[in-house]
């Protein structure tokens, strides 16, 4: 009987230790980026709240060169969103230093881990054509943490 009880204790301990390991390795999402992609300002506002600032945007090297675009800053500039044709298209997510700079962390945006198209461990990791996004790039802050992410939904 003592052996059976000891065996049950060992099994229970083993199971609980394994479960705590699994929960530690799963990174919580910063945001499910699919919930913002191609959304209107009103739809984005429902997710991120009112913008801290909204301004015209017409950078010459962007699709906004000839089309009126707006740039919104949300949650104290954590999210910067350029609305191209009234839809969230270029999204920058700042303040990601608590996340390690590695390709596994594509998952913090609610996306499935896949092999990146380009990887320079000192500077950036880039995925192209991933789950309906044209391009997603994360940048190293110099301490092997993510500085920010740059997401292009449809625009080149």
N, C-alpha and C. Protein backbone atom coordinates (compact mmCIF):
# COMPACT_ATOMS: atom_id res chain seq x y z
N UNK A 1 0.82 -1.19 0.00
CA UNK A 1 0.00 0.00 0.00
C UNK A 1 0.87 1.26 0.00
N UNK A 2 1.95 1.24 0.80
CA UNK A 2 2.84 2.39 0.86
C UNK A 2 3.48 2.65 -0.51
N UNK A 3 3.82 1.56 -1.22
CA UNK A 3 4.43 1.71 -2.54
C UNK A 3 3.44 2.35 -3.51
N UNK A 4 2.19 1.99 -3.42
CA UNK A 4 1.16 2.55 -4.29
C UNK A 4 0.98 4.04 -4.02
N UNK A 5 0.94 4.42 -2.76
CA UNK A 5 0.79 5.83 -2.40
C UNK A 5 2.01 6.62 -2.87
N UNK A 6 3.20 6.08 -2.67
CA UNK A 6 4.42 6.73 -3.11
C UNK A 6 4.42 6.90 -4.63
N UNK A 7 3.99 5.88 -5.34
CA UNK A 7 3.92 5.94 -6.80
C UNK A 7 2.94 7.02 -7.24
N UNK A 8 1.78 7.11 -6.59
CA UNK A 8 0.80 8.15 -6.94
C UNK A 8 1.35 9.55 -6.67
N UNK A 9 2.08 9.72 -5.59
CA UNK A 9 2.68 11.02 -5.28
C UNK A 9 3.70 11.40 -6.35
N UNK A 10 4.53 10.46 -6.75
CA UNK A 10 5.54 10.72 -7.78
C UNK A 10 4.86 11.09 -9.10
N UNK A 11 3.82 10.38 -9.47
CA UNK A 11 3.10 10.68 -10.72
C UNK A 11 2.46 12.05 -10.66
N UNK A 12 1.80 12.36 -9.54
CA UNK A 12 1.14 13.66 -9.40
C UNK A 12 2.16 14.80 -9.46
N UNK A 13 3.30 14.63 -8.79
CA UNK A 13 4.34 15.65 -8.81
C UNK A 13 4.90 15.82 -10.21
N UNK A 14 5.12 14.73 -10.88
CA UNK A 14 5.64 14.77 -12.25
C UNK A 14 4.69 15.50 -13.19
N UNK A 15 3.41 15.23 -13.07
CA UNK A 15 2.41 15.88 -13.93
C UNK A 15 2.35 17.37 -13.63
N UNK A 16 2.33 17.74 -12.35
CA UNK A 16 2.22 19.17 -12.02
C UNK A 16 3.47 19.93 -12.43
N UNK A 17 4.65 19.33 -12.32
CA UNK A 17 5.88 20.00 -12.76
C UNK A 17 5.86 20.20 -14.27
N UNK A 18 5.42 19.22 -15.01
CA UNK A 18 5.35 19.33 -16.46
C UNK A 18 4.38 20.42 -16.88
N UNK A 19 3.26 20.54 -16.19
CA UNK A 19 2.28 21.58 -16.53
C UNK A 19 2.84 22.96 -16.26
N UNK A 20 3.58 23.15 -15.18
CA UNK A 20 4.13 24.47 -14.90
C UNK A 20 5.21 24.82 -15.92
N UNK A 21 5.97 23.84 -16.42
CA UNK A 21 6.95 24.10 -17.46
C UNK A 21 6.26 24.58 -18.72
N UNK A 22 5.17 23.94 -19.10
CA UNK A 22 4.46 24.32 -20.31
C UNK A 22 3.92 25.73 -20.21
N UNK A 23 3.36 26.12 -19.08
CA UNK A 23 2.79 27.45 -18.97
C UNK A 23 3.88 28.52 -18.99
N UNK A 24 5.09 28.20 -18.51
CA UNK A 24 6.17 29.18 -18.52
C UNK A 24 6.70 29.42 -19.93
N UNK A 25 6.64 28.43 -20.81
CA UNK A 25 7.21 28.58 -22.14
C UNK A 25 6.26 29.27 -23.10
N UNK A 26 5.00 29.37 -22.77
CA UNK A 26 4.05 30.02 -23.66
C UNK A 26 4.06 31.52 -23.40
N UNK A 27 4.38 32.29 -24.43
CA UNK A 27 4.39 33.75 -24.30
C UNK A 27 2.98 34.28 -24.48
N UNK A 28 2.57 35.18 -23.61
CA UNK A 28 1.25 35.78 -23.82
C UNK A 28 1.31 36.69 -25.05
N UNK A 29 0.21 36.77 -25.75
CA UNK A 29 0.16 37.63 -26.93
C UNK A 29 0.26 39.09 -26.53
N UNK A 30 1.03 39.85 -27.30
CA UNK A 30 1.01 41.30 -27.18
C UNK A 30 -0.34 41.75 -27.70
N UNK A 31 -0.70 41.21 -28.85
CA UNK A 31 -2.00 41.45 -29.47
C UNK A 31 -2.16 40.43 -30.57
N UNK A 32 -3.39 40.05 -30.83
CA UNK A 32 -3.67 39.23 -32.00
C UNK A 32 -3.71 40.21 -33.16
N UNK A 33 -2.62 40.28 -33.90
CA UNK A 33 -2.47 41.29 -34.94
C UNK A 33 -3.55 41.18 -36.01
N UNK A 34 -4.11 39.99 -36.16
CA UNK A 34 -5.18 39.81 -37.15
C UNK A 34 -6.42 40.63 -36.77
N UNK A 35 -6.57 40.93 -35.49
CA UNK A 35 -7.72 41.72 -35.05
C UNK A 35 -7.61 43.19 -35.46
N UNK A 36 -6.39 43.66 -35.79
CA UNK A 36 -6.18 45.04 -36.22
C UNK A 36 -6.05 45.19 -37.73
N UNK A 37 -5.53 44.16 -38.37
CA UNK A 37 -5.20 44.24 -39.80
C UNK A 37 -6.40 44.60 -40.65
N UNK A 38 -6.21 45.60 -41.50
CA UNK A 38 -7.22 46.05 -42.47
C UNK A 38 -8.50 46.57 -41.82
N UNK A 39 -8.42 46.97 -40.57
CA UNK A 39 -9.61 47.49 -39.88
C UNK A 39 -9.68 49.01 -40.03
N UNK A 40 -10.88 49.54 -39.91
CA UNK A 40 -11.10 50.99 -39.96
C UNK A 40 -10.65 51.62 -38.64
N UNK A 41 -10.55 52.94 -38.61
CA UNK A 41 -10.18 53.64 -37.37
C UNK A 41 -11.17 53.32 -36.26
N UNK A 42 -12.44 53.26 -36.59
CA UNK A 42 -13.48 52.95 -35.59
C UNK A 42 -13.28 51.55 -35.02
N UNK A 43 -12.98 50.59 -35.88
CA UNK A 43 -12.77 49.21 -35.41
C UNK A 43 -11.50 49.11 -34.57
N UNK A 44 -10.44 49.80 -34.98
CA UNK A 44 -9.19 49.80 -34.21
C UNK A 44 -9.43 50.42 -32.83
N UNK A 45 -10.20 51.49 -32.80
CA UNK A 45 -10.50 52.18 -31.54
C UNK A 45 -11.21 51.26 -30.55
N UNK A 46 -12.05 50.38 -31.05
CA UNK A 46 -12.75 49.43 -30.17
C UNK A 46 -11.77 48.46 -29.51
N UNK A 47 -10.64 48.20 -30.17
CA UNK A 47 -9.66 47.26 -29.65
C UNK A 47 -8.61 47.96 -28.78
N UNK A 48 -8.07 49.09 -29.28
CA UNK A 48 -6.96 49.76 -28.60
C UNK A 48 -7.37 50.99 -27.80
N UNK A 49 -8.61 51.42 -27.96
CA UNK A 49 -9.05 52.66 -27.32
C UNK A 49 -8.82 53.84 -28.24
N UNK A 50 -9.20 55.01 -27.78
CA UNK A 50 -9.05 56.23 -28.59
C UNK A 50 -7.57 56.52 -28.82
N UNK A 51 -7.24 57.05 -29.99
CA UNK A 51 -5.83 57.38 -30.24
C UNK A 51 -5.38 58.56 -29.39
N UNK A 52 -4.10 58.54 -28.98
CA UNK A 52 -3.51 59.68 -28.28
C UNK A 52 -3.36 60.85 -29.25
N UNK A 53 -3.14 60.49 -30.52
CA UNK A 53 -2.92 61.50 -31.54
C UNK A 53 -3.26 60.88 -32.89
N UNK A 54 -3.82 61.70 -33.78
CA UNK A 54 -4.14 61.29 -35.15
C UNK A 54 -3.67 62.42 -36.04
N UNK A 55 -2.85 62.09 -37.05
CA UNK A 55 -2.29 63.14 -37.90
C UNK A 55 -2.23 62.70 -39.35
N UNK A 56 -2.20 63.65 -40.28
CA UNK A 56 -2.03 63.30 -41.69
C UNK A 56 -0.65 62.68 -41.90
N UNK A 57 -0.55 61.78 -42.86
CA UNK A 57 0.72 61.11 -43.14
C UNK A 57 0.90 61.05 -44.65
N UNK A 58 2.06 61.51 -45.13
CA UNK A 58 2.29 61.50 -46.58
C UNK A 58 3.76 61.29 -46.93
N UNK A 59 4.39 60.34 -46.29
CA UNK A 59 5.80 60.02 -46.55
C UNK A 59 5.99 59.65 -48.01
N UNK A 60 7.02 60.18 -48.65
CA UNK A 60 7.21 59.99 -50.09
C UNK A 60 7.54 58.55 -50.49
N UNK A 61 8.08 57.75 -49.59
CA UNK A 61 8.45 56.38 -49.95
C UNK A 61 7.35 55.37 -49.58
N UNK A 62 6.14 55.85 -49.44
CA UNK A 62 5.02 54.99 -49.04
C UNK A 62 3.86 55.14 -50.02
N UNK A 63 2.85 54.28 -49.91
CA UNK A 63 1.65 54.45 -50.73
C UNK A 63 0.92 55.75 -50.42
N UNK A 64 1.29 56.41 -49.34
CA UNK A 64 0.63 57.65 -48.92
C UNK A 64 1.18 58.86 -49.66
N UNK A 65 2.13 58.64 -50.52
CA UNK A 65 2.72 59.73 -51.30
C UNK A 65 1.65 60.44 -52.13
N UNK A 66 0.77 59.66 -52.77
CA UNK A 66 -0.27 60.22 -53.63
C UNK A 66 -1.68 60.02 -53.09
N UNK A 67 -1.80 59.35 -51.97
CA UNK A 67 -3.10 59.07 -51.37
C UNK A 67 -3.12 59.62 -49.95
N UNK A 68 -4.19 60.26 -49.58
CA UNK A 68 -4.29 60.79 -48.21
C UNK A 68 -4.34 59.65 -47.20
N UNK A 69 -3.40 59.65 -46.28
CA UNK A 69 -3.36 58.64 -45.22
C UNK A 69 -3.38 59.35 -43.88
N UNK A 70 -3.67 58.58 -42.84
CA UNK A 70 -3.59 59.10 -41.48
C UNK A 70 -2.77 58.15 -40.63
N UNK A 71 -2.09 58.72 -39.65
CA UNK A 71 -1.31 57.92 -38.71
C UNK A 71 -1.88 58.15 -37.32
N UNK A 72 -2.21 57.04 -36.65
CA UNK A 72 -2.75 57.10 -35.31
C UNK A 72 -1.77 56.53 -34.30
N UNK A 73 -1.70 57.15 -33.14
CA UNK A 73 -0.85 56.69 -32.04
C UNK A 73 -1.78 56.24 -30.92
N UNK A 74 -1.61 55.00 -30.47
CA UNK A 74 -2.51 54.41 -29.49
C UNK A 74 -1.73 53.93 -28.27
N UNK A 75 -2.40 53.94 -27.14
CA UNK A 75 -1.85 53.42 -25.87
C UNK A 75 -0.46 54.00 -25.59
N UNK A 76 -0.41 55.34 -25.56
CA UNK A 76 0.85 56.05 -25.27
C UNK A 76 1.97 55.65 -26.23
N UNK A 77 1.63 55.58 -27.50
CA UNK A 77 2.56 55.31 -28.60
C UNK A 77 3.07 53.88 -28.67
N UNK A 78 2.46 52.97 -27.92
CA UNK A 78 2.83 51.56 -28.06
C UNK A 78 2.48 51.07 -29.46
N UNK A 79 1.36 51.53 -29.98
CA UNK A 79 0.93 51.16 -31.32
C UNK A 79 0.89 52.41 -32.20
N UNK A 80 1.55 52.33 -33.35
CA UNK A 80 1.47 53.39 -34.37
C UNK A 80 0.88 52.73 -35.61
N UNK A 81 -0.22 53.28 -36.09
CA UNK A 81 -0.91 52.65 -37.21
C UNK A 81 -1.11 53.66 -38.32
N UNK A 82 -0.67 53.30 -39.52
CA UNK A 82 -0.92 54.13 -40.70
C UNK A 82 -2.11 53.52 -41.42
N UNK A 83 -3.11 54.36 -41.62
CA UNK A 83 -4.32 53.94 -42.31
C UNK A 83 -4.19 54.29 -43.79
N UNK A 84 -4.08 53.27 -44.62
CA UNK A 84 -3.99 53.44 -46.07
C UNK A 84 -5.36 53.09 -46.63
N UNK A 85 -5.94 54.00 -47.39
CA UNK A 85 -7.30 53.81 -47.90
C UNK A 85 -8.28 53.51 -46.76
N UNK A 86 -8.09 54.23 -45.65
CA UNK A 86 -8.97 54.15 -44.47
C UNK A 86 -8.89 52.83 -43.71
N UNK A 87 -7.87 52.01 -44.00
CA UNK A 87 -7.71 50.71 -43.33
C UNK A 87 -6.34 50.62 -42.67
N UNK A 88 -6.27 49.98 -41.51
CA UNK A 88 -5.00 49.78 -40.80
C UNK A 88 -4.10 48.90 -41.65
N UNK A 89 -3.00 49.48 -42.14
CA UNK A 89 -2.15 48.75 -43.07
C UNK A 89 -0.70 48.65 -42.60
N UNK A 90 -0.12 49.71 -42.14
CA UNK A 90 1.24 49.68 -41.62
C UNK A 90 1.15 49.84 -40.11
N UNK A 91 1.59 48.84 -39.38
CA UNK A 91 1.43 48.82 -37.93
C UNK A 91 2.80 48.67 -37.28
N UNK A 92 3.12 49.57 -36.38
CA UNK A 92 4.35 49.46 -35.60
C UNK A 92 3.94 49.22 -34.15
N UNK A 93 4.56 48.21 -33.54
CA UNK A 93 4.31 47.93 -32.12
C UNK A 93 5.62 48.16 -31.38
N UNK A 94 5.62 49.12 -30.48
CA UNK A 94 6.81 49.51 -29.72
C UNK A 94 6.82 48.86 -28.34
N UNK A 95 7.91 49.09 -27.61
CA UNK A 95 8.04 48.65 -26.21
C UNK A 95 7.89 47.14 -26.05
N UNK A 96 8.67 46.40 -26.81
CA UNK A 96 8.61 44.93 -26.74
C UNK A 96 9.85 44.34 -26.06
N UNK A 97 10.56 45.13 -25.29
CA UNK A 97 11.84 44.71 -24.71
C UNK A 97 11.74 43.53 -23.74
N UNK A 98 10.56 43.21 -23.28
CA UNK A 98 10.47 42.07 -22.36
C UNK A 98 10.49 40.73 -23.10
N UNK A 99 10.46 40.78 -24.43
CA UNK A 99 10.46 39.55 -25.24
C UNK A 99 11.83 39.33 -25.86
N UNK A 100 12.28 38.07 -25.82
CA UNK A 100 13.55 37.71 -26.43
C UNK A 100 13.49 37.89 -27.94
N UNK A 101 14.61 38.30 -28.51
CA UNK A 101 14.72 38.48 -29.95
C UNK A 101 15.02 37.12 -30.58
N UNK A 102 13.96 36.42 -30.95
CA UNK A 102 14.12 35.14 -31.65
C UNK A 102 12.88 34.86 -32.49
N UNK A 103 13.04 33.95 -33.43
CA UNK A 103 11.96 33.69 -34.39
C UNK A 103 10.74 33.03 -33.75
N UNK A 104 10.89 32.43 -32.59
CA UNK A 104 9.74 31.83 -31.90
C UNK A 104 8.72 32.90 -31.51
N UNK A 105 9.19 34.10 -31.29
CA UNK A 105 8.30 35.15 -30.78
C UNK A 105 7.40 35.78 -31.82
N UNK A 106 7.31 35.21 -33.00
CA UNK A 106 6.25 35.61 -33.93
C UNK A 106 4.90 35.28 -33.29
N UNK A 107 4.92 34.33 -32.37
CA UNK A 107 3.69 33.89 -31.70
C UNK A 107 3.09 34.96 -30.79
N UNK A 108 3.87 35.95 -30.35
CA UNK A 108 3.31 36.99 -29.47
C UNK A 108 2.33 37.88 -30.20
N UNK A 109 2.28 37.75 -31.52
CA UNK A 109 1.32 38.52 -32.32
C UNK A 109 0.12 37.67 -32.73
N UNK A 110 -0.01 36.50 -32.11
CA UNK A 110 -1.14 35.62 -32.42
C UNK A 110 -0.95 34.84 -33.71
N UNK A 111 0.29 34.71 -34.17
CA UNK A 111 0.57 34.00 -35.41
C UNK A 111 1.29 32.70 -35.13
N UNK A 112 1.18 31.78 -36.05
CA UNK A 112 1.82 30.48 -35.93
C UNK A 112 3.30 30.59 -36.24
N UNK A 113 4.11 29.90 -35.47
CA UNK A 113 5.55 29.92 -35.70
C UNK A 113 5.87 29.26 -37.04
N UNK A 114 6.59 30.00 -37.89
CA UNK A 114 7.09 29.48 -39.16
C UNK A 114 8.50 30.01 -39.35
N UNK A 115 9.21 29.40 -40.27
CA UNK A 115 10.58 29.82 -40.58
C UNK A 115 10.57 31.22 -41.20
N UNK A 116 11.39 32.15 -40.71
CA UNK A 116 11.43 33.48 -41.32
C UNK A 116 12.10 33.43 -42.69
N UNK A 117 11.80 34.43 -43.50
CA UNK A 117 12.43 34.52 -44.82
C UNK A 117 13.86 35.04 -44.71
N UNK A 118 14.08 35.93 -43.73
CA UNK A 118 15.40 36.53 -43.56
C UNK A 118 15.68 36.68 -42.07
N UNK A 119 16.94 36.41 -41.72
CA UNK A 119 17.31 36.52 -40.30
C UNK A 119 18.73 37.04 -40.19
N UNK A 120 18.90 38.16 -39.51
CA UNK A 120 20.20 38.69 -39.15
C UNK A 120 20.16 38.85 -37.63
N UNK A 121 20.76 37.92 -36.90
CA UNK A 121 20.63 37.91 -35.43
C UNK A 121 21.03 39.21 -34.74
N UNK A 122 21.84 40.02 -35.39
CA UNK A 122 22.26 41.27 -34.77
C UNK A 122 21.23 42.38 -34.96
N UNK A 123 20.40 42.26 -36.02
CA UNK A 123 19.53 43.38 -36.36
C UNK A 123 18.05 43.06 -36.44
N UNK A 124 17.68 42.08 -37.27
CA UNK A 124 16.26 41.88 -37.53
C UNK A 124 15.94 40.45 -37.96
N UNK A 125 14.66 40.12 -37.84
CA UNK A 125 14.10 38.87 -38.36
C UNK A 125 12.87 39.26 -39.14
N UNK A 126 12.75 38.73 -40.38
CA UNK A 126 11.63 39.13 -41.26
C UNK A 126 10.91 37.90 -41.81
N UNK A 127 9.60 37.98 -41.77
CA UNK A 127 8.73 36.99 -42.39
C UNK A 127 7.98 37.67 -43.53
N UNK A 128 7.79 36.98 -44.62
CA UNK A 128 7.00 37.52 -45.74
C UNK A 128 5.86 36.57 -46.02
N UNK A 129 4.75 37.16 -46.44
CA UNK A 129 3.56 36.38 -46.81
C UNK A 129 3.20 35.35 -45.75
N UNK A 130 2.98 35.83 -44.55
CA UNK A 130 2.65 34.97 -43.43
C UNK A 130 1.21 35.26 -42.98
N UNK A 131 0.37 34.28 -43.08
CA UNK A 131 -1.03 34.35 -42.63
C UNK A 131 -1.75 35.61 -43.12
N UNK A 132 -1.54 35.94 -44.39
CA UNK A 132 -2.24 37.08 -44.98
C UNK A 132 -1.55 38.42 -44.82
N UNK A 133 -0.40 38.45 -44.17
CA UNK A 133 0.37 39.68 -44.00
C UNK A 133 1.48 39.72 -45.04
N UNK A 134 1.68 40.89 -45.63
CA UNK A 134 2.74 41.05 -46.61
C UNK A 134 4.11 40.85 -45.96
N UNK A 135 4.31 41.49 -44.81
CA UNK A 135 5.63 41.42 -44.17
C UNK A 135 5.53 41.74 -42.69
N UNK A 136 6.29 41.01 -41.89
CA UNK A 136 6.41 41.29 -40.45
C UNK A 136 7.90 41.24 -40.12
N UNK A 137 8.38 42.30 -39.48
CA UNK A 137 9.80 42.39 -39.12
C UNK A 137 9.90 42.76 -37.65
N UNK A 138 10.76 42.03 -36.92
CA UNK A 138 11.06 42.41 -35.55
C UNK A 138 12.52 42.87 -35.51
N UNK A 139 12.80 43.85 -34.65
CA UNK A 139 14.12 44.46 -34.59
C UNK A 139 14.77 44.24 -33.23
N UNK A 140 16.06 43.93 -33.25
CA UNK A 140 16.85 43.70 -32.04
C UNK A 140 17.17 45.04 -31.38
N UNK A 141 17.03 45.10 -30.06
CA UNK A 141 17.35 46.35 -29.35
C UNK A 141 18.83 46.44 -28.97
N UNK A 142 19.63 45.47 -29.40
CA UNK A 142 21.06 45.46 -29.08
C UNK A 142 21.38 44.61 -27.87
N UNK A 143 20.36 44.17 -27.15
CA UNK A 143 20.54 43.30 -25.97
C UNK A 143 19.78 41.99 -26.15
N UNK A 144 19.58 41.61 -27.40
CA UNK A 144 18.86 40.39 -27.76
C UNK A 144 17.44 40.35 -27.22
N UNK A 145 16.83 41.50 -27.18
CA UNK A 145 15.40 41.65 -26.88
C UNK A 145 14.77 42.35 -28.08
N UNK A 146 13.46 42.21 -28.22
CA UNK A 146 12.78 42.87 -29.34
C UNK A 146 12.57 44.34 -28.98
N UNK A 147 13.02 45.22 -29.85
CA UNK A 147 12.80 46.65 -29.67
C UNK A 147 11.39 47.00 -30.13
N UNK A 148 11.09 46.67 -31.40
CA UNK A 148 9.76 46.93 -31.94
C UNK A 148 9.49 46.00 -33.11
N UNK A 149 8.24 45.96 -33.52
CA UNK A 149 7.82 45.16 -34.67
C UNK A 149 7.19 46.08 -35.70
N UNK A 150 7.45 45.78 -36.95
CA UNK A 150 6.92 46.57 -38.06
C UNK A 150 6.13 45.62 -38.95
N UNK A 151 4.86 45.91 -39.14
CA UNK A 151 3.96 44.99 -39.84
C UNK A 151 3.33 45.70 -41.02
N UNK A 152 3.49 45.11 -42.19
CA UNK A 152 2.83 45.62 -43.40
C UNK A 152 1.75 44.62 -43.75
N UNK A 153 0.52 45.07 -43.70
CA UNK A 153 -0.60 44.17 -43.98
C UNK A 153 -0.68 43.90 -45.48
N UNK A 154 -0.94 44.94 -46.27
CA UNK A 154 -1.08 44.78 -47.72
C UNK A 154 -0.04 45.55 -48.50
N UNK A 155 0.31 46.74 -48.04
CA UNK A 155 1.22 47.61 -48.79
C UNK A 155 2.60 47.00 -48.91
N UNK A 156 3.29 47.39 -49.96
CA UNK A 156 4.67 46.93 -50.19
C UNK A 156 5.64 47.75 -49.37
